[in-house]
Every structure is written in C-alpha cells, then in structure tokens.
Protein backbone atom coordinates (compact mmCIF):
# COMPACT_ATOMS: atom_id res chain seq x y z
CA MET A 1 -63.54 86.54 3.85
CA PHE A 2 -60.39 84.76 5.52
CA ALA A 3 -58.82 87.61 7.40
CA ASP A 4 -55.31 86.75 7.93
CA LYS A 5 -54.09 90.31 8.64
CA ALA A 6 -55.22 93.54 10.73
CA ARG A 7 -53.62 96.72 11.95
CA VAL A 8 -54.05 98.24 15.11
CA ILE A 9 -52.79 100.76 18.01
CA LEU A 10 -52.26 99.65 20.91
CA CYS A 11 -51.95 101.30 24.69
CA SER A 12 -50.46 100.44 27.40
CA GLY A 13 -52.39 101.93 30.72
CA LYS A 14 -50.66 105.01 32.55
CA GLY A 15 -49.29 104.48 36.15
CA GLY A 16 -51.30 106.19 39.06
CA ASN A 17 -49.63 109.03 40.43
CA GLY A 18 -48.14 109.00 43.98
CA HIS A 19 -50.79 111.12 46.67
CA VAL A 20 -49.93 113.83 49.02
CA SER A 21 -51.55 113.65 51.95
CA PHE A 22 -50.70 114.29 55.75
CA ARG A 23 -52.01 112.00 58.98
CA ARG A 24 -55.36 113.82 60.70
CA GLU A 25 -55.99 112.41 63.73
CA LYS A 26 -56.79 113.69 67.58
CA TYR A 27 -53.82 114.01 69.43
CA VAL A 28 -51.61 113.92 66.90
CA PRO A 29 -51.72 117.67 65.88
CA ASP A 30 -48.72 117.62 63.29
CA GLY A 31 -49.10 113.90 61.72
CA GLY A 32 -46.19 112.50 59.03
CA PRO A 33 -47.19 112.25 55.35
CA ASP A 34 -49.25 109.68 54.33
CA GLY A 35 -49.76 109.66 50.43
CA GLY A 36 -50.24 106.04 49.19
CA ASP A 37 -48.55 104.94 46.00
CA GLY A 38 -50.42 105.14 42.75
CA GLY A 39 -51.79 101.32 41.08
CA LYS A 40 -49.40 100.19 38.07
CA GLY A 41 -50.93 100.52 34.73
CA GLY A 42 -51.79 97.87 32.76
CA ASP A 43 -50.26 95.67 30.53
CA VAL A 44 -51.06 94.86 27.06
CA ILE A 45 -50.73 91.08 26.15
CA ILE A 46 -50.88 88.60 22.92
CA VAL A 47 -51.95 85.04 23.91
CA THR A 48 -52.33 82.21 21.57
CA ASP A 49 -56.09 80.88 21.26
CA THR A 50 -56.39 77.40 19.35
CA ALA A 51 -60.21 78.18 18.88
CA LEU A 52 -58.98 80.92 16.38
CA ASN A 53 -58.15 80.46 13.18
CA THR A 54 -59.04 84.25 11.78
CA LEU A 55 -58.00 88.01 12.63
CA SER A 56 -61.04 88.89 12.01
CA ASP A 57 -61.66 90.13 15.94
CA TYR A 58 -59.25 93.13 14.74
CA ARG A 59 -60.10 93.57 11.38
CA HIS A 60 -62.84 96.67 12.07
CA VAL A 61 -60.85 98.07 15.21
CA HIS A 62 -58.49 101.03 15.22
CA LYS A 63 -57.20 100.96 18.78
CA LEU A 64 -57.00 99.05 21.94
CA SER A 65 -55.80 100.25 25.58
CA ALA A 66 -55.19 98.47 28.93
CA GLN A 67 -56.68 100.35 32.08
CA ASN A 68 -54.86 103.36 33.63
CA GLY A 69 -54.00 103.19 37.40
CA GLU A 70 -55.72 104.26 39.96
CA GLU A 71 -54.26 107.52 42.00
CA GLY A 72 -52.92 106.67 45.57
CA GLY A 73 -55.22 107.92 48.74
CA LYS A 74 -54.79 109.07 52.22
CA LYS A 75 -53.60 106.71 54.63
CA ASN A 76 -50.93 105.02 52.86
CA CYS A 77 -54.09 103.55 50.41
CA HIS A 78 -52.50 102.17 47.29
CA GLY A 79 -53.80 102.75 44.22
CA LYS A 80 -55.83 99.97 42.15
CA LYS A 81 -54.10 98.19 39.69
CA GLY A 82 -54.75 99.31 35.75
CA GLN A 83 -56.56 95.99 34.09
CA ASP A 84 -54.62 94.37 31.36
CA LEU A 85 -55.69 94.34 28.23
CA ILE A 86 -55.21 90.30 26.57
CA LEU A 87 -55.74 89.80 23.03
CA LYS A 88 -56.43 86.12 21.89
CA VAL A 89 -54.97 85.35 18.29
CA PRO A 90 -54.80 82.26 16.40
CA GLU A 91 -51.37 80.49 16.90
CA GLY A 92 -48.68 81.27 13.97
CA THR A 93 -49.90 85.19 13.97
CA VAL A 94 -46.65 87.15 13.62
CA ILE A 95 -46.78 90.59 15.43
CA ARG A 96 -44.96 93.31 13.50
CA GLU A 97 -44.16 96.89 13.75
CA ALA A 98 -46.34 98.97 11.53
CA GLU A 99 -43.57 101.28 11.04
CA THR A 100 -40.93 99.59 10.12
CA GLY A 101 -42.45 96.09 9.71
CA LYS A 102 -39.75 94.61 11.98
CA VAL A 103 -40.82 91.50 14.04
CA ILE A 104 -42.12 92.31 17.13
CA MET A 105 -42.90 88.92 18.22
CA ASP A 106 -43.78 85.45 16.29
CA MET A 107 -46.35 83.62 17.86
CA SER A 108 -45.66 80.21 17.75
CA GLY A 109 -44.30 76.76 18.74
CA ASP A 110 -43.73 77.71 22.24
CA ARG A 111 -44.45 81.02 22.42
CA LYS A 112 -48.36 81.41 23.72
CA ARG A 113 -48.04 84.17 25.84
CA TYR A 114 -46.29 87.69 25.39
CA THR A 115 -46.54 90.98 27.01
CA ILE A 116 -45.86 93.46 24.14
CA LEU A 117 -46.98 96.69 26.07
CA THR A 118 -45.45 96.69 30.12
CA GLY A 119 -48.14 99.45 31.97
CA GLY A 120 -46.40 102.67 33.62
CA VAL A 121 -45.28 102.17 37.41
CA GLY A 122 -47.05 103.80 39.85
CA GLY A 123 -45.83 106.94 41.26
CA LEU A 124 -44.42 107.26 44.62
CA GLY A 125 -46.52 108.76 47.58
CA ASN A 126 -45.10 111.75 49.82
CA GLN A 127 -44.46 109.77 52.53
CA HIS A 128 -41.58 108.16 50.50
CA PHE A 129 -39.73 111.42 50.18
CA ALA A 130 -39.69 112.44 54.51
CA THR A 131 -36.20 113.23 55.19
CA ALA A 132 -34.56 114.42 58.75
CA THR A 133 -34.45 117.98 56.96
CA MET A 134 -37.75 117.68 55.09
CA GLN A 135 -40.75 115.91 57.01
CA ALA A 136 -43.71 117.53 55.68
CA PRO A 137 -42.99 116.80 51.67
CA LYS A 138 -45.89 118.22 49.72
CA TYR A 139 -45.15 116.74 46.55
CA ALA A 140 -45.10 112.99 45.22
CA LYS A 141 -44.04 110.96 41.67
CA PRO A 142 -46.26 110.85 38.89
CA GLY A 143 -46.93 108.01 37.40
CA GLY A 144 -44.95 106.33 34.52
CA PRO A 145 -46.03 106.76 31.13
CA ALA A 146 -48.22 104.57 29.46
CA ARG A 147 -46.62 103.26 25.88
CA SER A 148 -48.23 102.98 22.46
CA ILE A 149 -47.59 101.51 19.43
CA GLU A 150 -49.35 100.62 16.42
CA VAL A 151 -48.96 96.94 14.87
CA ILE A 152 -49.39 94.56 12.16
CA PHE A 153 -51.09 91.47 13.13
CA GLU A 154 -50.07 88.83 10.62
CA LEU A 155 -51.49 85.34 10.52
CA LYS A 156 -49.06 83.15 8.68
CA VAL A 157 -50.42 79.25 7.86
CA ILE A 158 -47.87 76.79 10.06
CA ALA A 159 -47.92 73.50 8.42
CA ASP A 160 -45.06 71.05 7.23
CA VAL A 161 -46.10 70.61 3.78
CA GLY A 162 -47.63 73.80 1.61
CA LEU A 163 -49.93 71.92 -1.30
CA ILE A 164 -50.01 74.83 -4.54
CA GLY A 165 -50.87 74.58 -8.25
CA PHE A 166 -53.28 76.52 -10.14
CA PRO A 167 -57.00 76.19 -9.50
CA ASN A 168 -59.01 72.99 -10.65
CA VAL A 169 -55.85 70.67 -10.55
CA GLY A 170 -57.21 68.28 -7.58
CA LYS A 171 -56.23 69.81 -4.98
CA SER A 172 -59.06 69.83 -2.46
CA THR A 173 -59.90 65.99 -3.78
CA PHE A 174 -56.41 65.20 -2.58
CA LEU A 175 -56.44 66.89 0.59
CA SER A 176 -60.16 65.29 1.28
CA HIS A 177 -58.49 61.64 0.74
CA VAL A 178 -55.37 61.88 2.00
CA THR A 179 -56.19 64.36 5.61
CA ASN A 180 -59.24 64.79 7.90
CA ALA A 181 -59.80 68.21 6.10
CA GLN A 182 -63.15 68.62 4.72
CA PRO A 183 -63.17 71.43 1.84
CA LYS A 184 -65.33 72.15 -0.64
CA ILE A 185 -64.85 70.23 -4.02
CA ALA A 186 -66.30 71.35 -7.35
CA ASN A 187 -65.20 72.24 -10.79
CA TYR A 188 -64.13 75.63 -9.86
CA HIS A 189 -62.34 77.79 -12.12
CA PHE A 190 -61.60 80.21 -9.74
CA THR A 191 -59.66 79.91 -6.37
CA THR A 192 -60.98 79.20 -2.71
CA LEU A 193 -60.06 82.07 -0.46
CA ASN A 194 -59.00 80.00 2.68
CA PRO A 195 -56.18 78.10 3.23
CA ILE A 196 -57.23 75.13 4.59
CA LEU A 197 -55.09 73.14 6.92
CA GLY A 198 -55.64 69.32 7.07
CA VAL A 199 -53.50 66.14 9.21
CA VAL A 200 -52.48 63.35 7.43
CA ASN A 201 -54.67 60.90 8.21
CA TYR A 202 -54.30 57.74 5.87
CA PRO A 203 -53.42 53.98 6.65
CA ASN A 204 -50.22 53.15 7.46
CA VAL A 205 -48.97 57.12 7.18
CA PRO A 206 -46.93 58.56 9.98
CA GLU A 207 -49.21 62.27 10.60
CA PHE A 208 -47.88 65.47 9.48
CA VAL A 209 -50.13 69.22 8.67
CA ILE A 210 -50.68 69.90 4.87
CA ALA A 211 -51.90 73.04 3.80
CA ASP A 212 -53.53 73.47 0.51
CA ILE A 213 -52.25 77.04 -0.23
CA PRO A 214 -55.58 78.85 -2.34
CA GLY A 215 -54.51 78.37 -6.24
CA LEU A 216 -51.94 80.75 -7.38
CA ILE A 217 -51.78 82.99 -10.67
CA GLU A 218 -49.43 84.70 -12.88
CA GLY A 219 -48.81 88.30 -11.48
CA ALA A 220 -49.54 86.98 -7.95
CA ALA A 221 -46.11 88.01 -6.85
CA GLU A 222 -47.08 91.50 -7.87
CA GLY A 223 -50.04 91.21 -5.80
CA ILE A 224 -52.18 90.57 -8.60
CA GLY A 225 -55.43 89.07 -6.56
CA LEU A 226 -55.25 87.83 -3.17
CA GLY A 227 -51.33 86.67 -4.74
CA HIS A 228 -49.39 88.35 -1.52
CA GLU A 229 -51.81 87.38 0.68
CA PHE A 230 -51.56 83.79 -0.06
CA LEU A 231 -47.98 83.57 -1.25
CA LYS A 232 -46.90 84.22 2.38
CA HIS A 233 -48.47 81.08 3.97
CA ILE A 234 -45.86 79.07 1.88
CA GLN A 235 -43.06 80.77 4.30
CA ARG A 236 -43.67 78.83 7.01
CA THR A 237 -44.49 75.23 5.05
CA LYS A 238 -40.67 72.93 4.67
CA ILE A 239 -41.86 71.53 1.93
CA LEU A 240 -43.61 72.08 -1.58
CA VAL A 241 -45.83 69.76 -3.20
CA HIS A 242 -47.06 70.94 -6.95
CA LEU A 243 -50.02 69.24 -8.18
CA VAL A 244 -50.24 69.76 -11.02
CA ASP A 245 -52.75 68.61 -13.59
CA GLY A 246 -50.63 65.24 -15.38
CA ALA A 247 -53.53 64.38 -18.08
CA SER A 248 -54.13 68.28 -19.17
CA VAL A 249 -57.38 66.60 -18.65
CA GLU A 250 -58.43 70.90 -19.35
CA GLY A 251 -55.55 71.55 -21.81
CA ARG A 252 -52.95 72.34 -19.26
CA ASP A 253 -49.26 71.77 -19.48
CA PRO A 254 -47.99 70.42 -16.30
CA ILE A 255 -44.36 71.63 -17.16
CA ALA A 256 -45.36 75.26 -17.91
CA ASP A 257 -47.56 75.39 -14.71
CA ILE A 258 -44.97 74.10 -12.68
CA LYS A 259 -42.38 76.68 -13.76
CA ALA A 260 -44.79 79.23 -13.89
CA ILE A 261 -45.56 78.83 -10.13
CA ASN A 262 -41.94 78.72 -9.46
CA GLU A 263 -41.39 82.19 -11.06
CA GLU A 264 -44.23 83.89 -8.89
CA ILE A 265 -42.99 82.23 -5.49
CA GLY A 266 -39.17 83.49 -6.95
CA LYS A 267 -40.50 86.78 -7.45
CA TYR A 268 -41.59 87.28 -4.10
CA ASP A 269 -39.15 85.58 -2.11
CA GLY A 270 -36.20 84.10 -3.57
CA ASP A 271 -35.22 82.04 -0.30
CA LEU A 272 -38.84 79.92 -0.74
CA LEU A 273 -37.51 78.50 -4.25
CA LYS A 274 -34.61 76.93 -1.35
CA LYS A 275 -37.55 74.77 0.03
CA PRO A 276 -37.25 70.91 -1.43
CA GLN A 277 -40.08 70.44 -3.90
CA ILE A 278 -42.11 67.28 -5.09
CA ILE A 279 -44.22 67.08 -8.29
CA ALA A 280 -47.21 65.31 -8.02
CA LEU A 281 -48.76 64.29 -11.59
CA ASN A 282 -52.68 63.98 -10.82
CA LYS A 283 -55.48 62.91 -13.04
CA MET A 284 -52.91 59.82 -14.30
CA ASP A 285 -56.08 57.07 -14.20
CA VAL A 286 -57.86 58.68 -17.35
CA ILE A 287 -54.13 58.57 -19.68
CA PRO A 288 -53.23 54.56 -18.60
CA ASP A 289 -51.64 54.49 -22.21
CA ARG A 290 -49.07 57.21 -21.49
CA LYS A 291 -48.65 57.84 -18.68
CA ASP A 292 -44.83 56.82 -18.24
CA GLU A 293 -44.50 58.78 -21.25
CA VAL A 294 -45.97 62.20 -19.31
CA ILE A 295 -43.66 61.12 -16.55
CA ALA A 296 -40.34 60.96 -18.36
CA LYS A 297 -41.03 63.49 -20.07
CA VAL A 298 -41.54 66.17 -16.43
CA LYS A 299 -38.76 64.39 -14.79
CA ASP A 300 -36.31 65.64 -17.93
CA ALA A 301 -37.81 68.92 -17.63
CA PHE A 302 -36.58 69.17 -13.79
CA LYS A 303 -33.52 66.99 -13.57
CA GLU A 304 -31.84 70.08 -13.17
CA GLU A 305 -33.64 70.95 -10.36
CA GLY A 306 -34.25 67.01 -8.95
CA TYR A 307 -37.58 67.26 -8.00
CA PRO A 308 -39.20 63.87 -7.23
CA VAL A 309 -42.70 62.94 -9.83
CA PHE A 310 -45.29 61.02 -8.62
CA ALA A 311 -48.19 59.40 -10.37
CA ILE A 312 -51.34 60.21 -8.52
CA SER A 313 -55.25 60.22 -9.00
CA ALA A 314 -56.80 62.03 -6.36
CA VAL A 315 -60.08 60.27 -6.91
CA THR A 316 -58.81 56.55 -7.29
CA GLY A 317 -55.79 56.72 -4.66
CA GLN A 318 -53.77 55.69 -7.26
CA GLY A 319 -50.13 56.63 -6.07
CA LEU A 320 -51.25 58.31 -2.87
CA LYS A 321 -48.97 56.04 -0.26
CA GLU A 322 -46.18 56.19 -2.32
CA LEU A 323 -46.83 60.24 -2.56
CA LEU A 324 -47.30 60.47 0.96
CA TYR A 325 -44.47 58.60 2.43
CA ALA A 326 -41.88 60.86 -0.15
CA MET A 327 -43.61 63.63 1.60
CA LYS A 328 -42.57 61.99 5.50
CA GLU A 329 -39.24 60.91 4.12
CA GLU A 330 -38.48 64.95 3.60
CA LEU A 331 -39.80 66.32 6.61
CA ASP A 332 -37.66 63.88 8.37
CA GLN A 333 -34.59 65.74 7.28
CA PHE A 334 -35.78 68.78 9.17
CA PRO A 335 -36.31 69.87 12.72
CA LYS A 336 -39.34 68.64 14.83
CA GLU A 337 -40.16 72.23 15.91
CA PRO A 338 -41.83 74.34 13.44
CA PHE A 339 -40.50 77.72 12.13
CA VAL A 340 -40.53 80.86 14.02
CA TYR A 341 -39.53 84.08 13.12
CA GLU A 342 -36.79 86.14 15.49
CA SER A 343 -37.80 89.02 17.56
CA GLU A 344 -36.43 92.48 15.61
CA VAL A 345 -37.77 94.98 18.11
CA ASP A 346 -39.12 95.00 21.63
CA PRO A 347 -41.23 97.99 21.56
CA ASP A 348 -41.64 98.15 25.41
CA HIS A 349 -38.03 99.93 25.55
CA ALA A 350 -37.72 101.29 21.68
CA ASP A 351 -37.27 104.76 22.93
CA LEU A 352 -34.67 104.43 25.54
CA SER A 353 -31.39 105.31 23.40
CA GLU A 354 -32.03 109.13 23.76
CA GLY A 355 -32.00 111.23 26.48
CA SER A 356 -29.29 112.06 29.14
CA LEU A 357 -27.16 110.13 31.74
CA SER A 358 -24.68 110.83 34.69
CA VAL A 359 -23.26 108.77 37.33
CA TYR A 360 -21.33 110.44 40.14
CA ARG A 361 -19.98 110.05 43.97
CA LYS A 362 -22.39 111.70 46.89
CA PRO A 363 -20.06 112.18 49.97
CA ASP A 364 -21.07 109.39 51.82
CA ASN A 365 -19.13 107.16 49.22
CA SER A 366 -22.55 106.25 47.30
CA PHE A 367 -23.26 106.29 43.78
CA VAL A 368 -25.94 108.00 42.27
CA VAL A 369 -27.02 106.91 38.18
CA GLU A 370 -29.26 109.54 36.74
CA GLY A 371 -30.78 111.17 33.58
CA THR A 372 -33.80 111.23 31.52
CA LYS A 373 -32.47 108.06 30.45
CA ILE A 374 -32.97 106.52 33.64
CA ASP A 375 -36.34 108.36 34.34
CA LYS A 376 -38.19 106.41 31.17
CA MET A 377 -36.45 103.09 31.88
CA LEU A 378 -37.93 103.19 35.54
CA GLY A 379 -41.45 104.46 34.17
CA TYR A 380 -41.69 101.68 31.82
CA THR A 381 -40.08 98.70 33.86
CA ASN A 382 -41.46 96.90 36.63
CA LEU A 383 -38.37 95.60 38.55
CA ASP A 384 -40.57 93.55 40.91
CA SER A 385 -41.40 91.17 37.82
CA GLU A 386 -38.56 88.72 36.55
CA LYS A 387 -38.27 89.63 33.55
CA GLY A 388 -38.25 93.99 34.10
CA PHE A 389 -35.47 92.82 36.42
CA VAL A 390 -33.15 91.37 33.80
CA PHE A 391 -34.13 93.89 31.12
CA PHE A 392 -32.91 96.29 34.22
CA GLN A 393 -29.20 94.81 34.45
CA LYS A 394 -29.54 94.05 30.70
CA PHE A 395 -29.48 97.92 30.48
CA LEU A 396 -27.31 98.97 33.02
CA HIS A 397 -24.74 97.00 31.04
CA ASP A 398 -25.65 98.30 27.26
CA GLN A 399 -25.56 102.21 28.39
CA GLY A 400 -22.35 101.65 29.42
CA ILE A 401 -23.34 102.50 33.47
CA ASN A 402 -21.45 99.70 35.07
CA LYS A 403 -17.92 100.90 33.25
CA LEU A 404 -18.92 104.72 34.21
CA LEU A 405 -19.34 103.82 37.88
CA GLU A 406 -16.36 101.55 38.13
CA ASP A 407 -14.52 104.66 35.98
CA GLN A 408 -15.64 106.51 39.04
CA GLY A 409 -13.94 104.20 42.15
CA CYS A 410 -17.57 102.26 42.10
CA GLU A 411 -16.47 98.60 43.95
CA GLU A 412 -18.61 95.29 44.57
CA GLY A 413 -20.29 96.02 47.94
CA ASP A 414 -20.90 99.61 47.49
CA THR A 415 -24.16 101.29 47.39
CA VAL A 416 -25.44 102.57 44.02
CA TRP A 417 -28.95 104.78 43.95
CA VAL A 418 -30.92 104.27 40.62
CA GLY A 419 -33.64 106.28 41.22
CA ASN A 420 -35.40 106.17 44.67
CA MET A 421 -33.82 102.65 45.23
CA ALA A 422 -30.36 101.94 46.28
CA PHE A 423 -28.39 98.32 45.32
CA GLU A 424 -25.77 96.59 45.93
CA TYR A 425 -22.72 96.55 43.32
CA PHE A 426 -21.78 93.73 42.14
CA LYS A 427 -19.60 93.31 38.95
CA SER A 428 -20.11 91.35 36.35
C-alpha cells in the first residue's frame, strides 16, 4: 500500500558530561585540573531524497535516536561527538508536531536539509572552573540534555495540476497519453491506491507535472474509504482538472459527478474550491452527433463558476493538445515556486518560554545574565554554528534581556556574562 503518513518519536543525543581529573606527573605533586569537555550529542537531521516516493521506511518504526556524546577524559581529552541521526524522506514531506498538528517544516522547494533537533552541548571539564581562590575544582558541568518530540511525517504530492474524477472515467489512459507516466490501465470499478505523477511529454507543449489523484468517492471528506489520504494531495496543486465521462458510457451524469467531487473537496477544505478548475469531457469520440449538445449543457451548468470546458478523447487523442495548452495558460498565472507550508513551531526551542531569568551588575561593572531559561537555552544551542548563534541573539531580544541589561546601566562595549561565556555588548 502507498505509505504517505507515519508517526514516530525522534530523540537527539545527550551531551557528554565534563570530566573531573588532575595532572599526575612525576615531579609535579600538585598538578592542576585537566578534565576534558564532553562531546556534543548527535543532531536529528531530515534530508530529502529524490529516489524516495513513499514513507514506508517509517511505517513500523516507533522511535529513532541520535547518539549521545561521550564524557570528557583525562589530560584535557574531549569526548567524542555523538553520531547524527539522518532521516531521508521524499520531497513534499510535511513534518508536523503530533500533539498540536502544527507544521514544523515542509521539505519542499529549496528545503533539502533541516536540523529538527539539536543534540545537547558537551559539559565543561573541571579545568574551566579553576580560579585564583579555587585552584583544584572537584566538579564539572554535565552535558546538555537530549531533546525528544513525537512527529507526524505526511507526504503531500507536489504537482502543478491535480487530475480528479470518479473511478473508471479514463484518467489513467489520459495520463499515459500526455505524460511519461505508465499507470496500469484496465476497466476497474474501484480506485487505484497510489497518486501517480507524470511530466507532460507531448509535442509542442511545455513541460509541467500532472498528478492523477486517485478516484474520489462520495463521503471522502468524512474519511470514508481513503478519502482524507487522497484529498490532502490536492492541497499542493495549483489547478484542478475534472476528467468526467462526457459520453455517459456507463450511465454517469458528468454534471452530477463534478458537483459531487466539488462538494467533497469543499467539505474537506473550502479554500481548495478557490483553485482554478477546468472540465475535460472524456470519451466524446463515442457520441460525435451529440458532442455539441453535451458541451453546451455542461457549460450552462457551470457558467456561474466560469469553468472552461473541453471535449476530448484520451483514446484517440482528440482535443488533448488544446486541453494541455489551457492548463499551461492557467499555470503561467502562478509563481514558479511550489506551494510550501510555513513553519509554525521550532521544536528545538519550543520549551524555553518557561523558567526564571535575572540580570545583575557585578562589582567589576560587568553584567551577568542567569536563570533556568538561560541554562536550558545554552544546553540546547550550539553557539559555534551560525543557526545557533542567530537563535542566541534572537533569544536575548525576544526575552527582553537586552532591555533588562540597559535598565541596569549596560552600555556598548561592556562585558556581559551568559553562562561561562563573556560577550561584548552592542545595542541592536
């Protein structure tokens, strides 16, 4: 079965603890501290892979974890960094927070790689805590905690045109004639399970992507059958093309079919009905004498919506070029970039809003920012990376720390301590 949804718990690696040790060398009876720093925990990284088209690798997986960082060692030896967990997904995969359903990241367009969880930073060895009055510190800093989150991977087909219609109206035949797709074609009275993508490959017609959205049935919006699984794929398409049995070969009414499908689409997501729609009356080679009558009847039924109507035959090729040109003309009205969902939550820093925070001035006129918020932020943030440092600056601004510092008299050039790191203050 086509696997387009998976639920899994992701965990980053814990940072390795700092080490407590002292130099023990001949003729050096009172060696100083030489405990090494712990290694950073592994990150959880999502990357797109064009060779994949399903989420089947994650269907039977409950939990995936990156490696923990190693503890620091003697003689200033740093612990080994934990191995990153790299997860490959098809392009078009939307990652959602399972609890809230909020979008974390849409792996579409230029988004090829995303670090969803950062491993805990390595703890500092006891060598960092030596002072003039405490020359033999017997403590080290533990590694930053691991992060975990339960997510839903949801694959939404990326295509310019969504081909919709009831089963057995000729969608597979149409797709096989105008694209490079090779769907199975037979007189089935049930729907295929897989959305099929094809790139238009037709003489003198510019390329674009068509997705055969598997046949919808009444009640799809309520989840009957696999309704929700199929309707979600329409969300990414720019235009919709209704392929209907214009000749009523099996007694279907094309007008009733179009209205029924639009009703299901509207129930699922009313905004989808705002997409441009085109009607393609298929099998019209069967009724050459009634062709104009049927076209006029369908146009009249949807004159208020203004849907363009085309008469085609997927078997003989009648009207296909005109229909494809109409699709391309509609697509030219849209930006070239694919539709991409905006991120709503960053799980790497989602729980930093809780906790204490304080700012005070030291006797040497430097300033200290401390509290559980700061401890958590430093435990989750790698300040050596560009992303981490940008987040650090944004955190200081969003939490009002810059204002608190200035209220205490902090000016440009003053020293500000955050954790065990000293920064020179600049007004933003």
